[in-house]
Amino acid sequence: MRGKHSEVYLVGNYAIKVFKEGFRYNFLKEVKFLTLLQPFKFVPELYFIDFENLRIVMKRISGLRISDHLDRSVIEQCLNCCFILDMLGIEKQEMNHPDKHIIIADRVYFIDFERGRFKNKPSNLTQFCVYLMRKGVAVNRELMVKYKKNPNLEIFERIRSEIAASSLEQK
């Protein structure tokens, strides 16, 4: 698979992401965020990082894109992952168009962190909520505004429970 900054080769149980020359900074960002997020288990497991050749060897994640499997469980897992990213101060950048960046396998996986950045008030959760709204899921805009101003567990829980109730009604 060929991307703007890299190519991904799928070999057995491995995905080998090779960055193009000139994109060392993107490679380093991908490595940094994937390494930092390993304990949370929503990014592919890292096996090897080749700094000289700009290669990352990680677990191959086979599954569906989020747009092909958007149910209550998937939505809840994604909301949890977005909240974790927000609390860590990491903005993924792709959450309002996550179709190529979230894979549904045995659980939810977020991939492609090369555009990620640290930010004082990241907007992963609010961006993902905008995506959900485009997919027809009811999201309380007032709560989103409150969360954006002051991201915290209490507001997150309210957003998550309202979305869960909304997605149940639609099924």
N, C-alpha and C. Protein backbone atom coordinates (compact mmCIF):
# COMPACT_ATOMS: atom_id res chain seq x y z
N MET A 1 0.84 -1.17 0.00
CA MET A 1 0.00 0.00 0.00
C MET A 1 0.89 1.24 0.00
N ARG A 2 0.58 2.13 -0.87
CA ARG A 2 1.41 3.32 -1.05
C ARG A 2 0.69 4.53 -0.49
N GLY A 3 1.39 5.28 0.34
CA GLY A 3 0.86 6.52 0.89
C GLY A 3 1.70 7.70 0.46
N LYS A 4 1.35 8.85 0.97
CA LYS A 4 2.05 10.08 0.62
C LYS A 4 3.49 10.09 1.15
N HIS A 5 3.66 9.58 2.38
CA HIS A 5 4.97 9.63 3.03
C HIS A 5 5.66 8.28 3.13
N SER A 6 4.91 7.20 2.88
CA SER A 6 5.48 5.87 3.12
C SER A 6 4.78 4.82 2.27
N GLU A 7 5.36 3.63 2.31
CA GLU A 7 4.74 2.45 1.70
C GLU A 7 4.65 1.39 2.78
N VAL A 8 3.57 0.61 2.76
CA VAL A 8 3.38 -0.46 3.73
C VAL A 8 3.39 -1.78 2.98
N TYR A 9 4.24 -2.68 3.45
CA TYR A 9 4.33 -4.03 2.88
C TYR A 9 3.75 -4.99 3.89
N LEU A 10 2.85 -5.86 3.43
CA LEU A 10 2.23 -6.86 4.30
C LEU A 10 2.89 -8.20 4.03
N VAL A 11 3.56 -8.73 5.06
CA VAL A 11 4.30 -9.98 4.93
C VAL A 11 3.91 -10.86 6.10
N GLY A 12 3.09 -11.88 5.82
CA GLY A 12 2.66 -12.78 6.89
C GLY A 12 1.92 -12.01 7.97
N ASN A 13 2.38 -12.13 9.21
CA ASN A 13 1.76 -11.44 10.34
C ASN A 13 2.34 -10.05 10.59
N TYR A 14 3.15 -9.57 9.64
CA TYR A 14 3.85 -8.30 9.83
C TYR A 14 3.39 -7.25 8.83
N ALA A 15 3.38 -6.00 9.29
CA ALA A 15 3.23 -4.84 8.42
C ALA A 15 4.54 -4.08 8.53
N ILE A 16 5.17 -3.84 7.39
CA ILE A 16 6.44 -3.14 7.38
C ILE A 16 6.19 -1.79 6.70
N LYS A 17 6.31 -0.73 7.50
CA LYS A 17 6.07 0.61 6.99
C LYS A 17 7.42 1.25 6.72
N VAL A 18 7.66 1.60 5.45
CA VAL A 18 8.93 2.18 5.03
C VAL A 18 8.66 3.61 4.57
N PHE A 19 9.28 4.54 5.26
CA PHE A 19 9.09 5.95 4.93
C PHE A 19 10.00 6.35 3.78
N LYS A 20 9.51 7.23 2.93
CA LYS A 20 10.29 7.73 1.80
C LYS A 20 11.37 8.68 2.32
N GLU A 21 12.47 8.75 1.59
CA GLU A 21 13.53 9.70 1.93
C GLU A 21 12.92 11.09 2.02
N GLY A 22 13.39 11.87 2.94
CA GLY A 22 12.86 13.22 3.09
C GLY A 22 11.73 13.31 4.10
N PHE A 23 11.28 12.15 4.61
CA PHE A 23 10.19 12.14 5.58
C PHE A 23 10.63 11.54 6.92
N ARG A 24 11.90 11.79 7.27
CA ARG A 24 12.43 11.30 8.54
C ARG A 24 11.64 11.84 9.73
N TYR A 25 11.23 13.10 9.66
CA TYR A 25 10.46 13.69 10.76
C TYR A 25 9.14 12.95 10.95
N ASN A 26 8.46 12.62 9.87
CA ASN A 26 7.20 11.86 9.96
C ASN A 26 7.46 10.47 10.55
N PHE A 27 8.55 9.85 10.13
CA PHE A 27 8.95 8.55 10.66
C PHE A 27 9.15 8.64 12.18
N LEU A 28 9.88 9.66 12.61
CA LEU A 28 10.17 9.81 14.03
C LEU A 28 8.90 10.07 14.84
N LYS A 29 7.97 10.84 14.27
CA LYS A 29 6.69 11.07 14.97
C LYS A 29 5.90 9.78 15.08
N GLU A 30 5.84 9.00 14.01
CA GLU A 30 5.13 7.72 14.04
C GLU A 30 5.73 6.81 15.12
N VAL A 31 7.04 6.72 15.15
CA VAL A 31 7.73 5.88 16.15
C VAL A 31 7.42 6.38 17.56
N LYS A 32 7.51 7.68 17.76
CA LYS A 32 7.28 8.25 19.09
C LYS A 32 5.88 7.93 19.58
N PHE A 33 4.87 8.18 18.76
CA PHE A 33 3.50 7.98 19.22
C PHE A 33 3.14 6.50 19.35
N LEU A 34 3.58 5.67 18.42
CA LEU A 34 3.31 4.24 18.54
C LEU A 34 3.98 3.66 19.79
N THR A 35 5.19 4.10 20.08
CA THR A 35 5.90 3.64 21.27
C THR A 35 5.18 4.09 22.54
N LEU A 36 4.81 5.34 22.58
CA LEU A 36 4.12 5.90 23.75
C LEU A 36 2.78 5.20 24.00
N LEU A 37 2.09 4.81 22.94
CA LEU A 37 0.74 4.26 23.06
C LEU A 37 0.70 2.73 23.19
N GLN A 38 1.83 2.06 23.14
CA GLN A 38 1.85 0.60 23.26
C GLN A 38 1.09 0.06 24.47
N PRO A 39 1.24 0.65 25.66
CA PRO A 39 0.55 0.09 26.82
C PRO A 39 -0.98 0.12 26.74
N PHE A 40 -1.52 0.97 25.87
CA PHE A 40 -2.98 1.12 25.79
C PHE A 40 -3.63 0.10 24.85
N LYS A 41 -2.83 -0.60 24.07
CA LYS A 41 -3.29 -1.73 23.25
C LYS A 41 -4.27 -1.34 22.13
N PHE A 42 -4.29 -0.07 21.70
CA PHE A 42 -5.15 0.27 20.57
C PHE A 42 -4.33 0.71 19.35
N VAL A 43 -3.02 0.44 19.40
CA VAL A 43 -2.15 0.64 18.25
C VAL A 43 -1.46 -0.69 17.97
N PRO A 44 -0.99 -0.89 16.74
CA PRO A 44 -0.31 -2.17 16.44
C PRO A 44 0.92 -2.37 17.31
N GLU A 45 1.16 -3.61 17.68
CA GLU A 45 2.34 -3.95 18.47
C GLU A 45 3.60 -3.74 17.62
N LEU A 46 4.59 -3.08 18.20
CA LEU A 46 5.86 -2.83 17.52
C LEU A 46 6.81 -4.00 17.72
N TYR A 47 7.49 -4.40 16.64
CA TYR A 47 8.47 -5.47 16.72
C TYR A 47 9.90 -4.98 16.51
N PHE A 48 10.04 -4.00 15.61
CA PHE A 48 11.40 -3.55 15.27
C PHE A 48 11.32 -2.16 14.65
N ILE A 49 12.29 -1.32 15.02
CA ILE A 49 12.38 0.03 14.43
C ILE A 49 13.77 0.17 13.83
N ASP A 50 13.82 0.44 12.53
CA ASP A 50 15.08 0.60 11.81
C ASP A 50 15.25 2.09 11.51
N PHE A 51 15.98 2.78 12.38
CA PHE A 51 16.16 4.23 12.25
C PHE A 51 16.96 4.61 11.00
N GLU A 52 17.88 3.75 10.62
CA GLU A 52 18.72 4.06 9.46
C GLU A 52 17.94 4.02 8.16
N ASN A 53 17.09 3.00 8.02
CA ASN A 53 16.33 2.84 6.77
C ASN A 53 14.88 3.30 6.86
N LEU A 54 14.55 3.98 7.95
CA LEU A 54 13.20 4.55 8.16
C LEU A 54 12.11 3.48 8.03
N ARG A 55 12.31 2.36 8.71
CA ARG A 55 11.35 1.24 8.66
C ARG A 55 10.81 0.94 10.04
N ILE A 56 9.52 0.60 10.07
CA ILE A 56 8.87 0.16 11.30
C ILE A 56 8.24 -1.20 10.99
N VAL A 57 8.59 -2.19 11.78
CA VAL A 57 7.97 -3.52 11.65
C VAL A 57 7.01 -3.66 12.81
N MET A 58 5.75 -3.92 12.47
CA MET A 58 4.72 -4.02 13.50
C MET A 58 3.77 -5.15 13.16
N LYS A 59 2.89 -5.44 14.09
CA LYS A 59 1.88 -6.47 13.89
C LYS A 59 0.94 -6.05 12.76
N ARG A 60 0.67 -6.98 11.88
CA ARG A 60 -0.29 -6.75 10.80
C ARG A 60 -1.69 -6.84 11.39
N ILE A 61 -2.48 -5.81 11.18
CA ILE A 61 -3.85 -5.78 11.67
C ILE A 61 -4.78 -6.00 10.48
N SER A 62 -5.43 -7.14 10.46
CA SER A 62 -6.40 -7.44 9.40
C SER A 62 -7.78 -7.24 9.96
N GLY A 63 -8.58 -6.49 9.28
CA GLY A 63 -9.93 -6.25 9.75
C GLY A 63 -10.69 -5.34 8.82
N LEU A 64 -11.74 -4.77 9.35
CA LEU A 64 -12.61 -3.89 8.58
C LEU A 64 -12.30 -2.44 8.89
N ARG A 65 -12.59 -1.60 7.95
CA ARG A 65 -12.53 -0.16 8.22
C ARG A 65 -13.72 0.21 9.08
N ILE A 66 -13.58 1.27 9.83
CA ILE A 66 -14.65 1.66 10.75
C ILE A 66 -15.96 1.92 10.02
N SER A 67 -15.90 2.47 8.82
CA SER A 67 -17.13 2.77 8.09
C SER A 67 -17.92 1.51 7.74
N ASP A 68 -17.24 0.36 7.71
CA ASP A 68 -17.90 -0.91 7.40
C ASP A 68 -18.43 -1.63 8.64
N HIS A 69 -18.14 -1.09 9.83
CA HIS A 69 -18.53 -1.80 11.05
C HIS A 69 -18.73 -0.81 12.21
N LEU A 70 -19.67 0.09 12.03
CA LEU A 70 -19.90 1.13 13.03
C LEU A 70 -21.08 0.75 13.91
N ASP A 71 -20.78 -0.03 14.97
CA ASP A 71 -21.84 -0.40 15.90
C ASP A 71 -21.53 0.19 17.28
N ARG A 72 -22.40 -0.08 18.24
CA ARG A 72 -22.27 0.52 19.58
C ARG A 72 -20.93 0.21 20.22
N SER A 73 -20.49 -1.03 20.17
CA SER A 73 -19.24 -1.44 20.78
C SER A 73 -18.05 -0.71 20.15
N VAL A 74 -18.04 -0.64 18.83
CA VAL A 74 -16.95 0.03 18.11
C VAL A 74 -16.94 1.52 18.45
N ILE A 75 -18.11 2.13 18.45
CA ILE A 75 -18.19 3.56 18.79
C ILE A 75 -17.65 3.80 20.19
N GLU A 76 -18.05 2.97 21.14
CA GLU A 76 -17.60 3.15 22.52
C GLU A 76 -16.09 2.98 22.64
N GLN A 77 -15.54 1.97 21.97
CA GLN A 77 -14.09 1.76 22.01
C GLN A 77 -13.36 2.96 21.41
N CYS A 78 -13.87 3.47 20.29
CA CYS A 78 -13.23 4.62 19.64
C CYS A 78 -13.29 5.86 20.53
N LEU A 79 -14.44 6.08 21.17
CA LEU A 79 -14.56 7.22 22.08
C LEU A 79 -13.54 7.10 23.21
N ASN A 80 -13.39 5.90 23.76
CA ASN A 80 -12.41 5.69 24.84
C ASN A 80 -10.99 5.99 24.36
N CYS A 81 -10.65 5.52 23.16
CA CYS A 81 -9.31 5.76 22.61
C CYS A 81 -9.09 7.26 22.39
N CYS A 82 -10.11 7.94 21.86
CA CYS A 82 -9.99 9.38 21.63
C CYS A 82 -9.78 10.13 22.94
N PHE A 83 -10.50 9.70 23.99
CA PHE A 83 -10.34 10.34 25.29
C PHE A 83 -8.92 10.13 25.83
N ILE A 84 -8.40 8.93 25.69
CA ILE A 84 -7.03 8.65 26.13
C ILE A 84 -6.05 9.57 25.40
N LEU A 85 -6.19 9.67 24.09
CA LEU A 85 -5.32 10.55 23.31
C LEU A 85 -5.43 11.99 23.79
N ASP A 86 -6.67 12.44 24.02
CA ASP A 86 -6.86 13.81 24.50
C ASP A 86 -6.19 14.03 25.85
N MET A 87 -6.34 13.07 26.75
CA MET A 87 -5.75 13.22 28.09
C MET A 87 -4.22 13.18 28.04
N LEU A 88 -3.66 12.49 27.05
CA LEU A 88 -2.20 12.45 26.89
C LEU A 88 -1.67 13.66 26.13
N GLY A 89 -2.58 14.48 25.61
CA GLY A 89 -2.17 15.67 24.86
C GLY A 89 -1.69 15.36 23.45
N ILE A 90 -2.21 14.26 22.88
CA ILE A 90 -1.83 13.85 21.53
C ILE A 90 -3.00 14.12 20.59
N GLU A 91 -2.75 14.89 19.54
CA GLU A 91 -3.78 15.08 18.52
C GLU A 91 -3.40 14.25 17.30
N LYS A 92 -4.26 13.31 16.96
CA LYS A 92 -3.97 12.40 15.86
C LYS A 92 -4.11 13.08 14.51
N GLN A 93 -5.02 14.04 14.41
CA GLN A 93 -5.25 14.82 13.19
C GLN A 93 -6.26 14.21 12.21
N GLU A 94 -6.57 12.96 12.29
CA GLU A 94 -7.39 12.31 11.26
C GLU A 94 -8.77 11.90 11.76
N MET A 95 -9.18 12.34 12.91
CA MET A 95 -10.36 11.75 13.53
C MET A 95 -11.69 12.21 12.96
N ASN A 96 -11.72 13.28 12.18
CA ASN A 96 -12.99 13.63 11.55
C ASN A 96 -13.19 12.88 10.23
N HIS A 97 -12.13 12.19 9.77
CA HIS A 97 -12.20 11.30 8.60
C HIS A 97 -11.41 10.03 8.92
N PRO A 98 -11.90 9.22 9.85
CA PRO A 98 -11.08 8.11 10.35
C PRO A 98 -11.15 6.82 9.53
N ASP A 99 -11.82 6.84 8.39
CA ASP A 99 -12.05 5.60 7.65
C ASP A 99 -10.77 4.82 7.32
N LYS A 100 -9.68 5.50 7.05
CA LYS A 100 -8.42 4.82 6.75
C LYS A 100 -7.53 4.67 7.97
N HIS A 101 -7.97 5.18 9.11
CA HIS A 101 -7.08 5.25 10.28
C HIS A 101 -7.57 4.45 11.47
N ILE A 102 -8.73 3.83 11.34
CA ILE A 102 -9.23 2.95 12.40
C ILE A 102 -9.60 1.62 11.76
N ILE A 103 -9.02 0.55 12.31
CA ILE A 103 -9.30 -0.80 11.80
C ILE A 103 -9.99 -1.58 12.92
N ILE A 104 -11.04 -2.30 12.54
CA ILE A 104 -11.78 -3.12 13.49
C ILE A 104 -11.37 -4.57 13.27
N ALA A 105 -10.72 -5.16 14.26
CA ALA A 105 -10.33 -6.57 14.22
C ALA A 105 -10.90 -7.21 15.48
N ASP A 106 -10.05 -7.82 16.30
CA ASP A 106 -10.52 -8.35 17.58
C ASP A 106 -10.90 -7.22 18.52
N ARG A 107 -10.41 -6.03 18.23
CA ARG A 107 -10.76 -4.79 18.94
C ARG A 107 -10.46 -3.64 17.99
N VAL A 108 -10.61 -2.44 18.46
CA VAL A 108 -10.35 -1.25 17.65
C VAL A 108 -8.87 -0.94 17.66
N TYR A 109 -8.32 -0.63 16.47
CA TYR A 109 -6.93 -0.22 16.35
C TYR A 109 -6.86 1.11 15.62
N PHE A 110 -6.07 2.02 16.15
CA PHE A 110 -5.78 3.29 15.49
C PHE A 110 -4.41 3.14 14.83
N ILE A 111 -4.33 3.54 13.57
CA ILE A 111 -3.06 3.44 12.84
C ILE A 111 -2.70 4.81 12.26
N ASP A 112 -1.49 4.92 11.77
CA ASP A 112 -0.99 6.11 11.08
C ASP A 112 -0.94 7.34 11.98
N PHE A 113 0.13 7.43 12.71
CA PHE A 113 0.33 8.56 13.62
C PHE A 113 1.39 9.54 13.10
N GLU A 114 1.76 9.42 11.83
CA GLU A 114 2.83 10.27 11.31
C GLU A 114 2.46 11.75 11.25
N ARG A 115 1.18 12.07 11.28
CA ARG A 115 0.75 13.47 11.30
C ARG A 115 0.41 13.93 12.72
N GLY A 116 0.52 13.04 13.70
CA GLY A 116 0.18 13.37 15.07
C GLY A 116 1.08 14.47 15.63
N ARG A 117 0.60 15.08 16.71
CA ARG A 117 1.38 16.13 17.37
C ARG A 117 0.90 16.28 18.81
N PHE A 118 1.78 16.81 19.62
CA PHE A 118 1.37 17.16 20.98
C PHE A 118 0.69 18.52 20.92
N LYS A 119 -0.38 18.64 21.69
CA LYS A 119 -1.15 19.87 21.68
C LYS A 119 -1.77 20.06 23.06
N ASN A 120 -1.88 21.30 23.52
CA ASN A 120 -2.46 21.58 24.84
C ASN A 120 -3.90 21.09 24.94
N LYS A 121 -4.69 21.33 23.93
CA LYS A 121 -6.09 20.89 23.93
C LYS A 121 -6.38 20.14 22.64
N PRO A 122 -6.01 18.88 22.58
CA PRO A 122 -6.29 18.10 21.37
C PRO A 122 -7.79 17.93 21.16
N SER A 123 -8.17 17.61 19.95
CA SER A 123 -9.60 17.52 19.64
C SER A 123 -9.98 16.19 19.00
N ASN A 124 -9.36 15.11 19.44
CA ASN A 124 -9.70 13.79 18.90
C ASN A 124 -11.16 13.43 19.15
N LEU A 125 -11.61 13.61 20.38
CA LEU A 125 -12.98 13.24 20.73
C LEU A 125 -13.98 14.09 19.96
N THR A 126 -13.77 15.39 19.93
CA THR A 126 -14.74 16.25 19.24
C THR A 126 -14.71 16.00 17.74
N GLN A 127 -13.53 15.75 17.17
CA GLN A 127 -13.47 15.43 15.74
C GLN A 127 -14.20 14.12 15.45
N PHE A 128 -14.00 13.12 16.30
CA PHE A 128 -14.68 11.84 16.10
C PHE A 128 -16.19 12.00 16.24
N CYS A 129 -16.62 12.85 17.15
CA CYS A 129 -18.06 13.12 17.31
C CYS A 129 -18.64 13.76 16.05
N VAL A 130 -17.88 14.64 15.41
CA VAL A 130 -18.33 15.24 14.14
C VAL A 130 -18.49 14.14 13.09
N TYR A 131 -17.56 13.21 13.04
CA TYR A 131 -17.67 12.06 12.13
C TYR A 131 -18.95 11.27 12.43
N LEU A 132 -19.20 10.99 13.71
CA LEU A 132 -20.41 10.25 14.08
C LEU A 132 -21.67 10.99 13.66
N MET A 133 -21.68 12.30 13.82
CA MET A 133 -22.84 13.09 13.42
C MET A 133 -23.08 12.95 11.92
N ARG A 134 -22.02 12.96 11.12
CA ARG A 134 -22.16 12.77 9.66
C ARG A 134 -22.72 11.39 9.34
N LYS A 135 -22.47 10.42 10.23
CA LYS A 135 -22.98 9.06 10.04
C LYS A 135 -24.38 8.88 10.62
N GLY A 136 -24.97 9.97 11.13
CA GLY A 136 -26.34 9.91 11.62
C GLY A 136 -26.50 9.61 13.09
N VAL A 137 -25.39 9.61 13.85
CA VAL A 137 -25.48 9.37 15.29
C VAL A 137 -25.72 10.72 15.97
N ALA A 138 -26.70 10.75 16.86
CA ALA A 138 -27.00 11.99 17.59
C ALA A 138 -25.90 12.27 18.61
N VAL A 139 -25.38 13.50 18.56
CA VAL A 139 -24.34 13.93 19.49
C VAL A 139 -24.76 15.29 20.04
N ASN A 140 -24.66 15.44 21.34
CA ASN A 140 -25.03 16.67 22.01
C ASN A 140 -23.94 17.72 21.77
N ARG A 141 -24.24 18.70 20.91
CA ARG A 141 -23.25 19.73 20.55
C ARG A 141 -22.83 20.56 21.76
N GLU A 142 -23.77 20.83 22.64
CA GLU A 142 -23.48 21.63 23.83
C GLU A 142 -22.42 20.93 24.70
N LEU A 143 -22.55 19.62 24.85
CA LEU A 143 -21.55 18.87 25.62
C LEU A 143 -20.19 18.88 24.91
N MET A 144 -20.22 18.81 23.59
CA MET A 144 -18.96 18.86 22.83
C MET A 144 -18.24 20.19 23.07
N VAL A 145 -18.99 21.28 23.08
CA VAL A 145 -18.40 22.60 23.32
C VAL A 145 -17.81 22.67 24.72
N LYS A 146 -18.55 22.14 25.70
CA LYS A 146 -18.04 22.12 27.08
C LYS A 146 -16.76 21.29 27.17
N TYR A 147 -16.77 20.14 26.53
CA TYR A 147 -15.59 19.27 26.55
C TYR A 147 -14.39 19.96 25.89
N LYS A 148 -14.63 20.62 24.76
CA LYS A 148 -13.54 21.30 24.06
C LYS A 148 -12.91 22.37 24.95
N LYS A 149 -13.74 23.10 25.70
CA LYS A 149 -13.23 24.14 26.59
C LYS A 149 -12.52 23.56 27.81
N ASN A 150 -13.04 22.44 28.33
CA ASN A 150 -12.50 21.85 29.54
C ASN A 150 -12.61 20.32 29.48
N PRO A 151 -11.69 19.68 28.73
CA PRO A 151 -11.78 18.22 28.60
C PRO A 151 -11.57 17.54 29.96
N ASN A 152 -12.55 16.73 30.36
CA ASN A 152 -12.42 16.01 31.63
C ASN A 152 -13.29 14.77 31.59
N LEU A 153 -13.07 13.89 32.56
CA LEU A 153 -13.74 12.61 32.61
C LEU A 153 -15.26 12.75 32.76
N GLU A 154 -15.71 13.69 33.57
CA GLU A 154 -17.14 13.84 33.80
C GLU A 154 -17.90 14.18 32.50
N ILE A 155 -17.39 15.14 31.76
CA ILE A 155 -18.07 15.51 30.51
C ILE A 155 -17.93 14.38 29.49
N PHE A 156 -16.76 13.77 29.45
CA PHE A 156 -16.57 12.63 28.54
C PHE A 156 -17.60 11.53 28.81
N GLU A 157 -17.78 11.18 30.07
CA GLU A 157 -18.75 10.13 30.43
C GLU A 157 -20.16 10.50 29.98
N ARG A 158 -20.52 11.76 30.11
CA ARG A 158 -21.84 12.20 29.66
C ARG A 158 -21.97 12.07 28.15
N ILE A 159 -20.95 12.50 27.43
CA ILE A 159 -20.96 12.38 25.95
C ILE A 159 -21.08 10.91 25.58
N ARG A 160 -20.25 10.07 26.18
CA ARG A 160 -20.24 8.65 25.84
C ARG A 160 -21.59 7.98 26.13
N SER A 161 -22.19 8.29 27.27
CA SER A 161 -23.46 7.64 27.61
C SER A 161 -24.58 8.12 26.69
N GLU A 162 -24.58 9.40 26.32
CA GLU A 162 -25.62 9.90 25.41
C GLU A 162 -25.46 9.29 24.02
N ILE A 163 -24.23 9.16 23.55
CA ILE A 163 -23.99 8.56 22.24
C ILE A 163 -24.38 7.09 22.26
N ALA A 164 -24.05 6.39 23.35
CA ALA A 164 -24.42 4.97 23.47
C ALA A 164 -25.93 4.82 23.42
N ALA A 165 -26.65 5.66 24.12
CA ALA A 165 -28.12 5.61 24.11
C ALA A 165 -28.65 5.92 22.71
N SER A 166 -28.06 6.91 22.05
CA SER A 166 -28.48 7.30 20.71
C SER A 166 -28.22 6.16 19.70
N SER A 167 -27.03 5.55 19.79
CA SER A 167 -26.71 4.49 18.83
C SER A 167 -27.55 3.25 19.07
N LEU A 168 -27.99 3.03 20.29
CA LEU A 168 -28.91 1.91 20.57
C LEU A 168 -30.27 2.15 19.94
N GLU A 169 -30.74 3.40 20.03
CA GLU A 169 -32.05 3.73 19.47
C GLU A 169 -32.06 3.55 17.95
N GLN A 170 -30.93 3.78 17.29
CA GLN A 170 -30.87 3.72 15.83
C GLN A 170 -30.81 2.30 15.32
N LYS A 171 -30.44 1.34 16.15
CA LYS A 171 -30.28 -0.05 15.69
C LYS A 171 -31.60 -0.79 15.71
